[in-house]
Amino acid sequence: MAENTSAKLSTAPYKGVRDFYPRERFFFNYLTDIMRAGAESFGYEEYSASVLEPTELYAGKTSEEILREQTYTFTDRGGRSVTLRPEMTPTAARMVAARRRELSFPLRWYSLPNCFRYERPQKGRLREHWQLNCDLFGVAGVAGDAEILHLAHHLLQCYGAREDQFVIRVNHRALLHEALAALAREAGERLTPAREAAVLRTMDRRDKMAPDAYLKALEAAAGKALADAVHSRFTPEAAPAFCSALPSYSQLEALMGYLKQLGVGNARHDPFLVRGFDYYTGMVFEVYDTAEENPRALFGGGRYDRLLEMFGTEPIPAVGFGMGDVRIRDFLETHHLMPAYSSPTDLFVATVGAEMHLTAMQVAQHLREEGLNVAVNLTDRKVGAQIRRAADRAIPWVLVVGEEERTHAVYPLKHLPTGREYSLPLSAVAETILSLGK
């Protein structure tokens, strides 16, 4: 027989994605269950869509850097350019545009899609992640912005976070436009749309660059005169006062007033906040962890009133955000807010010998009908080994079935976390477990 010389397949997942073994899936479900419950508590309805989209859906709207360098884009067998979705907002806009005459506005929609970006895996960033997207369509102005920010604040509180553990940084694209236009006039320069977009992209990377590198990048984006004006006049010390004198600042003040009345006490104006997506038209925000060991943006969003225009329809006011599972878990672990693992199985039925397997399966079925999740031993392990196996799986209760138990219809029941033991007829087992819990 010829020797098989082919290399063995690797058991590792594709770089930057995750396998979810049962315990990891428990924590993932914890994160997403709270996302769903939080969104639905504000009246949002779940939608979904395919992970595949035509590449042109993202051209000119998603960040150029993301589209050019970070998407999984390929040509299908029909010669069409296809992209694995890097974000969900363009998909939501496409779906609304497709049935806008049938839909009753305002719409409160949410989804929990997996999104893909080809980037270097690191803390808080993977090539695949799941993201809660909440979008409000058909409401213009400060009330809609306030609801979205209130929902974002509420979600973190649902995880047990305190206000001092995160801050909501808020800005407005109209403020940024007015600030750059004023600085361009001072510098004797003309602020074209392309120049403004280049400056905003540079400002969006400001925190990741050294001061000299930031100035050089501004010069490359805007020319020396405007770059000098932005760099010298729009500083962390001067920018708040500079913005407060601009016409659009009243919109930001009104928003902050709403948030205060809604009990959101940790929202702050950040004059440098841009958000990288090109489709934002109004309020933008990012939620930041305040812990020194994790000083990073957790999630964000903003207003995008003109995104539906690319489908040839009239614009619909829209505002929303995306919250990724990876960074939220990092935040919760940093602040010790993740729960302990809890098995979905309530009871493990151990058996004394293989001849008890059928009886144990019958006992388990009776208890399932009374509302318990029950696993049955089907091995030839000794009872002690079976109990240790149940403890390793974090199953809280064990019931033993042997010849004596089958004869007398009374079963030993043990609560593993406390060591408490009971001797009960089968009719009392489910009631005892359900009343005492895990």
Protein backbone atom coordinates (compact mmCIF):
# COMPACT_ATOMS: atom_id res chain seq x y z
CA MET A 1 0.00 0.00 0.00
CA ALA A 2 1.37 3.40 -0.96
CA GLU A 3 2.31 5.64 1.97
CA ASN A 4 0.18 8.73 2.44
CA THR A 5 2.69 11.59 2.33
CA SER A 6 0.23 14.49 2.28
CA ALA A 7 0.61 17.06 5.04
CA LYS A 8 -1.86 16.99 7.89
CA LEU A 9 -4.42 19.75 7.95
CA SER A 10 -4.01 22.38 10.65
CA THR A 11 -6.59 22.43 13.43
CA ALA A 12 -6.18 26.21 13.89
CA PRO A 13 -8.94 28.55 12.69
CA TYR A 14 -8.25 31.10 9.97
CA LYS A 15 -6.13 33.94 11.39
CA GLY A 16 -8.19 36.62 13.06
CA VAL A 17 -11.39 34.61 13.49
CA ARG A 18 -12.60 32.54 16.42
CA ASP A 19 -13.93 29.09 17.21
CA PHE A 20 -16.61 29.15 19.90
CA TYR A 21 -16.32 26.06 22.09
CA PRO A 22 -19.24 25.67 24.55
CA ARG A 23 -17.79 27.86 27.31
CA GLU A 24 -16.76 30.58 24.87
CA ARG A 25 -20.21 30.40 23.31
CA PHE A 26 -21.73 30.94 26.76
CA PHE A 27 -19.88 34.25 27.13
CA PHE A 28 -20.69 35.26 23.54
CA ASN A 29 -24.37 34.55 24.17
CA TYR A 30 -24.22 36.60 27.36
CA LEU A 31 -22.92 39.61 25.40
CA THR A 32 -25.41 39.30 22.56
CA ASP A 33 -28.43 38.44 24.74
CA ILE A 34 -27.99 41.74 26.59
CA MET A 35 -27.54 43.58 23.28
CA ARG A 36 -30.81 42.14 21.99
CA ALA A 37 -32.72 42.80 25.21
CA GLY A 38 -31.37 46.35 25.48
CA ALA A 39 -32.29 47.23 21.90
CA GLU A 40 -35.74 45.70 22.18
CA SER A 41 -36.39 47.57 25.44
CA PHE A 42 -36.26 50.79 23.34
CA GLY A 43 -38.69 49.37 20.77
CA TYR A 44 -36.13 48.27 18.15
CA GLU A 45 -36.96 45.31 15.85
CA GLU A 46 -34.41 42.80 14.57
CA TYR A 47 -33.56 42.43 10.86
CA SER A 48 -30.88 40.48 9.01
CA ALA A 49 -29.25 40.18 5.59
CA SER A 50 -26.64 38.21 3.66
CA VAL A 51 -22.97 38.65 4.49
CA LEU A 52 -22.29 39.20 0.74
CA GLU A 53 -22.86 42.58 -0.90
CA PRO A 54 -21.90 44.13 -4.24
CA THR A 55 -18.67 46.05 -3.79
CA GLU A 56 -20.18 49.24 -5.20
CA LEU A 57 -22.40 49.44 -2.11
CA TYR A 58 -19.35 50.61 -0.14
CA ALA A 59 -17.59 52.72 -2.79
CA GLY A 60 -17.58 56.38 -1.85
CA LYS A 61 -19.42 55.86 1.43
CA THR A 62 -17.33 53.55 3.57
CA SER A 63 -13.90 54.89 4.53
CA GLU A 64 -11.56 54.75 1.54
CA GLU A 65 -8.89 53.10 3.72
CA ILE A 66 -11.31 50.38 4.80
CA LEU A 67 -12.53 49.74 1.26
CA ARG A 68 -9.08 49.72 -0.34
CA GLU A 69 -7.04 47.94 2.35
CA GLN A 70 -9.33 46.12 4.75
CA THR A 71 -12.17 44.46 2.85
CA TYR A 72 -12.47 40.87 1.66
CA THR A 73 -13.33 41.59 -1.96
CA PHE A 74 -13.35 39.06 -4.79
CA THR A 75 -14.82 38.41 -8.21
CA ASP A 76 -17.50 35.74 -8.28
CA ARG A 77 -18.04 33.21 -11.06
CA GLY A 78 -20.34 35.65 -12.85
CA GLY A 79 -17.63 38.31 -13.01
CA ARG A 80 -19.22 40.48 -10.31
CA SER A 81 -17.16 42.21 -7.62
CA VAL A 82 -18.40 41.01 -4.23
CA THR A 83 -17.40 42.06 -0.70
CA LEU A 84 -17.87 40.40 2.66
CA ARG A 85 -19.58 43.17 4.64
CA PRO A 86 -17.15 45.28 6.69
CA GLU A 87 -20.09 47.07 8.37
CA MET A 88 -23.87 46.89 8.37
CA THR A 89 -25.08 50.49 7.86
CA PRO A 90 -24.96 50.48 4.01
CA THR A 91 -26.91 47.20 4.01
CA ALA A 92 -29.58 48.67 6.29
CA ALA A 93 -29.82 51.71 4.01
CA ARG A 94 -30.17 49.45 0.95
CA MET A 95 -32.97 47.48 2.60
CA VAL A 96 -34.85 50.63 3.60
CA ALA A 97 -34.46 52.11 0.11
CA ALA A 98 -35.73 48.89 -1.48
CA ARG A 99 -39.08 49.06 0.35
CA ARG A 100 -39.34 52.65 1.44
CA ARG A 101 -42.89 52.98 0.03
CA GLU A 102 -44.05 49.95 2.02
CA LEU A 103 -42.39 50.80 5.33
CA SER A 104 -44.02 52.86 8.05
CA PHE A 105 -41.63 55.46 9.44
CA PRO A 106 -40.03 56.01 11.84
CA LEU A 107 -38.22 52.67 11.84
CA ARG A 108 -36.33 51.37 14.84
CA TRP A 109 -34.16 48.52 13.56
CA TYR A 110 -31.34 46.46 15.05
CA SER A 111 -29.21 43.56 13.86
CA LEU A 112 -26.35 41.39 15.13
CA PRO A 113 -24.32 40.51 12.01
CA ASN A 114 -20.80 39.19 11.71
CA CYS A 115 -18.54 41.68 9.87
CA PHE A 116 -15.17 41.15 8.19
CA ARG A 117 -12.11 43.37 7.84
CA TYR A 118 -8.70 42.30 6.63
CA GLU A 119 -6.46 43.92 9.23
CA ARG A 120 -3.72 42.88 11.63
CA PRO A 121 -5.32 41.00 14.54
CA GLN A 122 -4.59 42.68 17.88
CA LYS A 123 -6.27 43.49 21.17
CA GLY A 124 -9.78 44.70 20.39
CA ARG A 125 -9.48 44.00 16.64
CA LEU A 126 -10.06 40.74 14.80
CA ARG A 127 -10.80 39.95 11.16
CA GLU A 128 -14.29 38.80 12.04
CA HIS A 129 -16.47 40.18 14.79
CA TRP A 130 -20.15 40.40 15.65
CA GLN A 131 -21.67 43.84 15.97
CA LEU A 132 -24.91 45.18 17.36
CA ASN A 133 -26.27 47.79 14.94
CA CYS A 134 -29.08 50.07 16.09
CA ASP A 135 -30.55 52.52 13.57
CA LEU A 136 -33.40 55.01 13.76
CA PHE A 137 -34.82 55.97 10.34
CA GLY A 138 -37.23 58.83 9.74
CA VAL A 139 -36.51 61.10 12.70
CA ALA A 140 -34.56 64.30 12.10
CA GLY A 141 -32.98 66.52 14.70
CA VAL A 142 -31.88 66.37 18.25
CA ALA A 143 -34.57 64.02 19.60
CA GLY A 144 -33.38 61.14 17.42
CA ASP A 145 -29.74 61.80 18.27
CA ALA A 146 -30.62 61.85 21.96
CA GLU A 147 -32.46 58.51 21.75
CA ILE A 148 -29.51 56.78 20.09
CA LEU A 149 -27.05 58.13 22.67
CA HIS A 150 -29.44 57.23 25.49
CA LEU A 151 -29.67 53.67 24.12
CA ALA A 152 -25.87 53.39 23.93
CA HIS A 153 -25.60 54.58 27.55
CA HIS A 154 -28.38 52.18 28.62
CA LEU A 155 -26.68 49.16 27.04
CA LEU A 156 -23.48 49.62 29.03
CA GLN A 157 -25.50 50.05 32.20
CA CYS A 158 -27.24 46.74 31.38
CA TYR A 159 -23.81 45.10 31.64
CA GLY A 160 -23.38 46.62 35.09
CA ALA A 161 -21.08 49.49 34.07
CA ARG A 162 -21.00 52.71 36.07
CA GLU A 163 -20.85 56.14 34.43
CA ASP A 164 -17.33 56.75 35.72
CA GLN A 165 -16.14 53.67 33.80
CA PHE A 166 -16.92 55.10 30.36
CA VAL A 167 -17.35 58.46 28.68
CA ILE A 168 -19.44 59.37 25.61
CA ARG A 169 -17.51 61.76 23.35
CA VAL A 170 -19.81 63.74 21.05
CA ASN A 171 -19.19 66.08 18.12
CA HIS A 172 -21.07 67.38 15.08
CA ARG A 173 -19.96 67.27 11.44
CA ALA A 174 -21.52 70.72 10.83
CA LEU A 175 -19.26 72.13 13.56
CA LEU A 176 -16.21 70.59 11.92
CA HIS A 177 -17.22 72.01 8.53
CA GLU A 178 -17.77 75.50 9.97
CA ALA A 179 -14.49 75.37 11.89
CA LEU A 180 -12.47 74.35 8.83
CA ALA A 181 -14.25 76.93 6.65
CA ALA A 182 -13.41 79.70 9.17
CA LEU A 183 -9.79 78.58 9.38
CA ALA A 184 -9.53 78.42 5.58
CA ARG A 185 -10.79 82.00 5.32
CA GLU A 186 -8.24 83.12 7.89
CA ALA A 187 -5.52 81.40 5.89
CA GLY A 188 -6.76 82.85 2.60
CA GLU A 189 -7.45 79.37 1.26
CA ARG A 190 -10.41 77.77 -0.50
CA LEU A 191 -11.96 74.78 1.28
CA THR A 192 -13.03 72.38 -1.45
CA PRO A 193 -15.02 69.22 -0.56
CA ALA A 194 -12.02 67.05 -1.44
CA ARG A 195 -9.70 69.14 0.71
CA GLU A 196 -12.13 69.10 3.62
CA ALA A 197 -12.47 65.30 3.41
CA ALA A 198 -8.67 64.91 3.40
CA VAL A 199 -8.30 67.15 6.46
CA LEU A 200 -11.03 65.28 8.33
CA ARG A 201 -9.40 61.93 7.57
CA THR A 202 -6.14 63.32 8.97
CA MET A 203 -7.84 64.71 12.08
CA ASP A 204 -9.45 61.32 12.63
CA ARG A 205 -5.94 59.81 13.00
CA ARG A 206 -4.61 62.62 15.22
CA ASP A 207 -4.45 60.58 18.44
CA LYS A 208 -2.40 57.88 16.72
CA MET A 209 0.29 60.29 15.40
CA ALA A 210 3.19 62.23 16.86
CA PRO A 211 2.73 66.06 16.68
CA ASP A 212 5.31 66.46 13.89
CA ALA A 213 3.80 63.64 11.87
CA TYR A 214 0.32 65.11 12.36
CA LEU A 215 1.45 68.52 11.02
CA LYS A 216 3.11 66.90 7.98
CA ALA A 217 -0.04 64.90 7.29
CA LEU A 218 -2.14 68.08 7.52
CA GLU A 219 0.18 69.83 5.07
CA ALA A 220 -0.14 66.94 2.65
CA ALA A 221 -3.94 67.06 2.95
CA ALA A 222 -4.55 70.80 2.98
CA GLY A 223 -1.44 72.72 2.00
CA LYS A 224 0.87 74.58 4.35
CA ALA A 225 -1.24 77.68 5.02
CA LEU A 226 -4.41 75.84 6.04
CA ALA A 227 -2.44 73.17 7.86
CA ASP A 228 -0.67 75.82 9.95
CA ALA A 229 -4.01 77.46 10.78
CA VAL A 230 -5.57 74.14 11.85
CA HIS A 231 -2.50 73.11 13.83
CA SER A 232 -2.09 76.44 15.67
CA ARG A 233 -5.70 77.55 16.13
CA PHE A 234 -7.55 74.25 16.50
CA THR A 235 -5.70 72.88 19.52
CA PRO A 236 -7.10 70.92 22.49
CA GLU A 237 -6.95 74.10 24.57
CA ALA A 238 -8.48 76.48 22.02
CA ALA A 239 -10.91 74.25 20.08
CA PRO A 240 -13.79 74.21 22.62
CA ALA A 241 -14.03 78.01 22.71
CA PHE A 242 -13.51 78.19 18.94
CA CYS A 243 -16.44 75.81 18.38
CA SER A 244 -18.73 77.50 20.88
CA ALA A 245 -18.78 80.64 18.69
CA LEU A 246 -19.95 78.73 15.59
CA PRO A 247 -23.62 78.62 14.44
CA SER A 248 -24.01 74.85 14.74
CA TYR A 249 -22.91 74.80 18.36
CA SER A 250 -26.52 75.44 19.38
CA GLN A 251 -27.43 71.96 18.04
CA LEU A 252 -24.79 70.39 20.26
CA GLU A 253 -26.00 72.39 23.28
CA ALA A 254 -29.57 71.23 22.69
CA LEU A 255 -28.41 67.62 22.48
CA MET A 256 -26.48 67.87 25.72
CA GLY A 257 -29.56 69.35 27.36
CA TYR A 258 -31.64 66.36 26.25
CA LEU A 259 -29.04 63.91 27.58
CA LYS A 260 -28.88 65.62 30.96
CA GLN A 261 -32.65 65.38 31.33
CA LEU A 262 -32.50 61.68 30.35
CA GLY A 263 -29.96 60.95 33.10
CA VAL A 264 -26.93 60.61 30.83
CA GLY A 265 -24.28 62.35 32.89
CA ASN A 266 -21.05 61.31 31.16
CA ALA A 267 -21.43 62.84 27.67
CA ARG A 268 -18.67 65.32 26.68
CA HIS A 269 -17.97 67.46 23.61
CA ASP A 270 -14.83 66.34 21.77
CA PRO A 271 -14.00 68.91 19.04
CA PHE A 272 -11.56 66.50 17.36
CA LEU A 273 -13.94 63.57 17.03
CA VAL A 274 -14.53 62.85 13.32
CA ARG A 275 -15.45 59.16 12.81
CA GLY A 276 -13.87 57.61 9.75
CA PHE A 277 -16.91 56.88 7.60
CA ASP A 278 -17.61 59.38 4.82
CA TYR A 279 -21.40 59.12 5.07
CA TYR A 280 -21.84 60.96 8.39
CA THR A 281 -23.71 64.28 8.08
CA GLY A 282 -24.44 65.44 11.65
CA MET A 283 -23.88 64.27 15.19
CA VAL A 284 -21.07 61.73 15.67
CA PHE A 285 -20.03 59.98 18.87
CA GLU A 286 -17.69 57.40 20.36
CA VAL A 287 -17.85 55.67 23.73
CA TYR A 288 -14.47 55.39 25.46
CA ASP A 289 -13.29 53.21 28.33
CA THR A 290 -11.91 55.39 31.15
CA ALA A 291 -9.65 52.66 32.58
CA GLU A 292 -5.94 53.45 32.24
CA GLU A 293 -5.22 49.90 31.13
CA ASN A 294 -7.79 50.03 28.29
CA PRO A 295 -7.98 53.66 27.06
CA ARG A 296 -9.70 53.06 23.79
CA ALA A 297 -12.92 53.59 21.86
CA LEU A 298 -15.46 50.85 22.54
CA PHE A 299 -17.99 51.72 19.83
CA GLY A 300 -19.59 54.69 18.11
CA GLY A 301 -21.90 56.02 15.46
CA GLY A 302 -23.68 59.11 14.24
CA ARG A 303 -26.18 60.70 11.89
CA TYR A 304 -26.19 59.83 8.16
CA ASP A 305 -29.15 61.64 6.60
CA ARG A 306 -28.05 61.33 2.96
CA LEU A 307 -26.89 57.72 2.65
CA LEU A 308 -30.06 56.56 0.88
CA GLU A 309 -29.43 59.04 -1.96
CA MET A 310 -26.97 56.61 -3.53
CA PHE A 311 -29.94 54.37 -4.37
CA GLY A 312 -31.65 57.18 -6.28
CA THR A 313 -34.26 57.81 -3.62
CA GLU A 314 -35.13 60.87 -1.59
CA PRO A 315 -33.01 61.19 1.56
CA ILE A 316 -34.38 59.81 4.82
CA PRO A 317 -32.99 61.11 8.12
CA ALA A 318 -31.13 58.35 9.91
CA VAL A 319 -28.92 57.95 12.99
CA GLY A 320 -27.37 54.88 14.57
CA PHE A 321 -24.35 53.07 15.96
CA GLY A 322 -22.44 49.79 15.87
CA MET A 323 -21.21 48.01 19.02
CA GLY A 324 -18.71 45.15 18.48
CA ASP A 325 -18.55 42.08 20.72
CA VAL A 326 -14.73 41.99 20.97
CA ARG A 327 -14.21 45.43 22.48
CA ILE A 328 -17.23 45.15 24.74
CA ARG A 329 -15.83 41.94 26.19
CA ASP A 330 -12.44 43.64 26.71
CA PHE A 331 -14.25 46.46 28.53
CA LEU A 332 -16.20 44.08 30.76
CA GLU A 333 -13.11 42.02 31.59
CA THR A 334 -11.14 45.18 32.39
CA HIS A 335 -13.82 46.22 34.91
CA HIS A 336 -14.46 42.66 36.19
CA LEU A 337 -18.03 42.68 34.90
CA MET A 338 -18.09 39.34 33.06
CA PRO A 339 -20.20 36.64 34.73
CA ALA A 340 -18.92 33.27 35.87
CA TYR A 341 -19.63 30.36 33.54
CA SER A 342 -22.98 28.66 34.13
CA SER A 343 -23.83 25.35 32.47
CA PRO A 344 -27.11 25.19 30.53
CA THR A 345 -27.56 21.70 32.02
CA ASP A 346 -29.42 21.64 35.36
CA LEU A 347 -28.95 18.00 36.29
CA PHE A 348 -26.63 15.11 35.50
CA VAL A 349 -28.02 11.60 35.98
CA ALA A 350 -25.27 9.20 37.04
CA THR A 351 -25.70 5.43 36.66
CA VAL A 352 -24.50 2.44 38.66
CA GLY A 353 -23.63 0.08 35.83
CA ALA A 354 -24.60 -0.04 32.17
CA GLU A 355 -27.81 -1.92 32.97
CA MET A 356 -29.16 1.32 34.47
CA HIS A 357 -28.79 3.36 31.28
CA LEU A 358 -32.34 2.81 30.04
CA THR A 359 -33.85 3.55 33.47
CA ALA A 360 -31.73 6.71 33.72
CA MET A 361 -32.91 7.84 30.28
CA GLN A 362 -36.52 7.34 31.35
CA VAL A 363 -35.94 9.27 34.57
CA ALA A 364 -34.29 12.08 32.59
CA GLN A 365 -37.18 12.30 30.15
CA HIS A 366 -39.65 12.61 33.03
CA LEU A 367 -37.60 15.45 34.53
CA ARG A 368 -37.26 17.21 31.16
CA GLU A 369 -41.04 17.24 30.90
CA GLU A 370 -41.05 19.07 34.23
CA GLY A 371 -38.77 21.81 32.91
CA LEU A 372 -35.23 20.64 33.60
CA ASN A 373 -32.26 20.34 31.22
CA VAL A 374 -30.88 16.87 31.93
CA ALA A 375 -27.81 14.96 30.73
CA VAL A 376 -27.46 11.18 31.27
CA ASN A 377 -24.31 9.13 31.75
CA LEU A 378 -23.96 6.57 28.96
CA THR A 379 -20.41 5.41 29.82
CA ASP A 380 -19.09 2.63 32.04
CA ARG A 381 -17.28 5.04 34.39
CA LYS A 382 -17.65 4.61 38.12
CA VAL A 383 -20.08 6.93 39.87
CA GLY A 384 -17.31 8.99 41.47
CA ALA A 385 -15.74 9.66 38.08
CA GLN A 386 -19.12 10.58 36.66
CA ILE A 387 -19.70 13.13 39.42
CA ARG A 388 -16.26 14.66 38.87
CA ARG A 389 -17.06 14.94 35.17
CA ALA A 390 -20.32 16.74 36.01
CA ALA A 391 -18.43 19.14 38.29
CA ASP A 392 -15.88 19.83 35.52
CA ARG A 393 -18.78 20.83 33.26
CA ALA A 394 -20.20 23.09 36.01
CA ILE A 395 -23.45 21.08 36.17
CA PRO A 396 -24.88 21.98 39.60
CA TRP A 397 -26.99 18.91 40.42
CA VAL A 398 -26.34 15.14 40.26
CA LEU A 399 -28.88 12.34 40.72
CA VAL A 400 -27.78 8.68 40.98
CA VAL A 401 -29.73 5.78 39.47
CA GLY A 402 -28.88 2.26 40.64
CA GLU A 403 -30.73 -0.97 41.34
CA GLU A 404 -31.76 0.14 44.85
CA GLU A 405 -33.03 3.50 43.58
CA ARG A 406 -35.00 1.82 40.81
CA THR A 407 -36.55 -0.64 43.28
CA HIS A 408 -37.55 1.89 45.95
CA ALA A 409 -38.18 4.88 43.60
CA VAL A 410 -36.20 7.18 45.91
CA TYR A 411 -33.12 8.91 44.49
CA PRO A 412 -30.06 10.53 46.05
CA LEU A 413 -29.71 14.11 44.79
CA LYS A 414 -26.63 16.24 45.38
CA HIS A 415 -26.01 19.95 44.89
CA LEU A 416 -22.35 20.06 43.88
CA PRO A 417 -21.56 23.75 44.66
CA THR A 418 -22.63 23.39 48.32
CA GLY A 419 -22.33 19.63 48.87
CA ARG A 420 -25.89 19.41 50.18
CA GLU A 421 -27.56 16.01 49.72
CA TYR A 422 -31.22 15.01 49.50
CA SER A 423 -33.10 11.73 49.25
CA LEU A 424 -36.26 12.28 47.23
CA PRO A 425 -38.98 10.52 45.26
CA LEU A 426 -38.83 11.31 41.56
CA SER A 427 -41.95 13.48 41.86
CA ALA A 428 -40.09 15.93 44.15
CA VAL A 429 -36.81 16.21 42.25
CA ALA A 430 -37.73 18.86 39.69
CA GLU A 431 -39.56 21.01 42.22
CA THR A 432 -36.55 20.93 44.55
CA ILE A 433 -34.07 21.88 41.83
CA LEU A 434 -36.26 24.63 40.38
CA SER A 435 -36.91 26.13 43.81
CA LEU A 436 -33.29 26.06 44.98
CA GLY A 437 -31.72 26.94 41.59
CA LYS A 438 -28.09 26.58 40.60
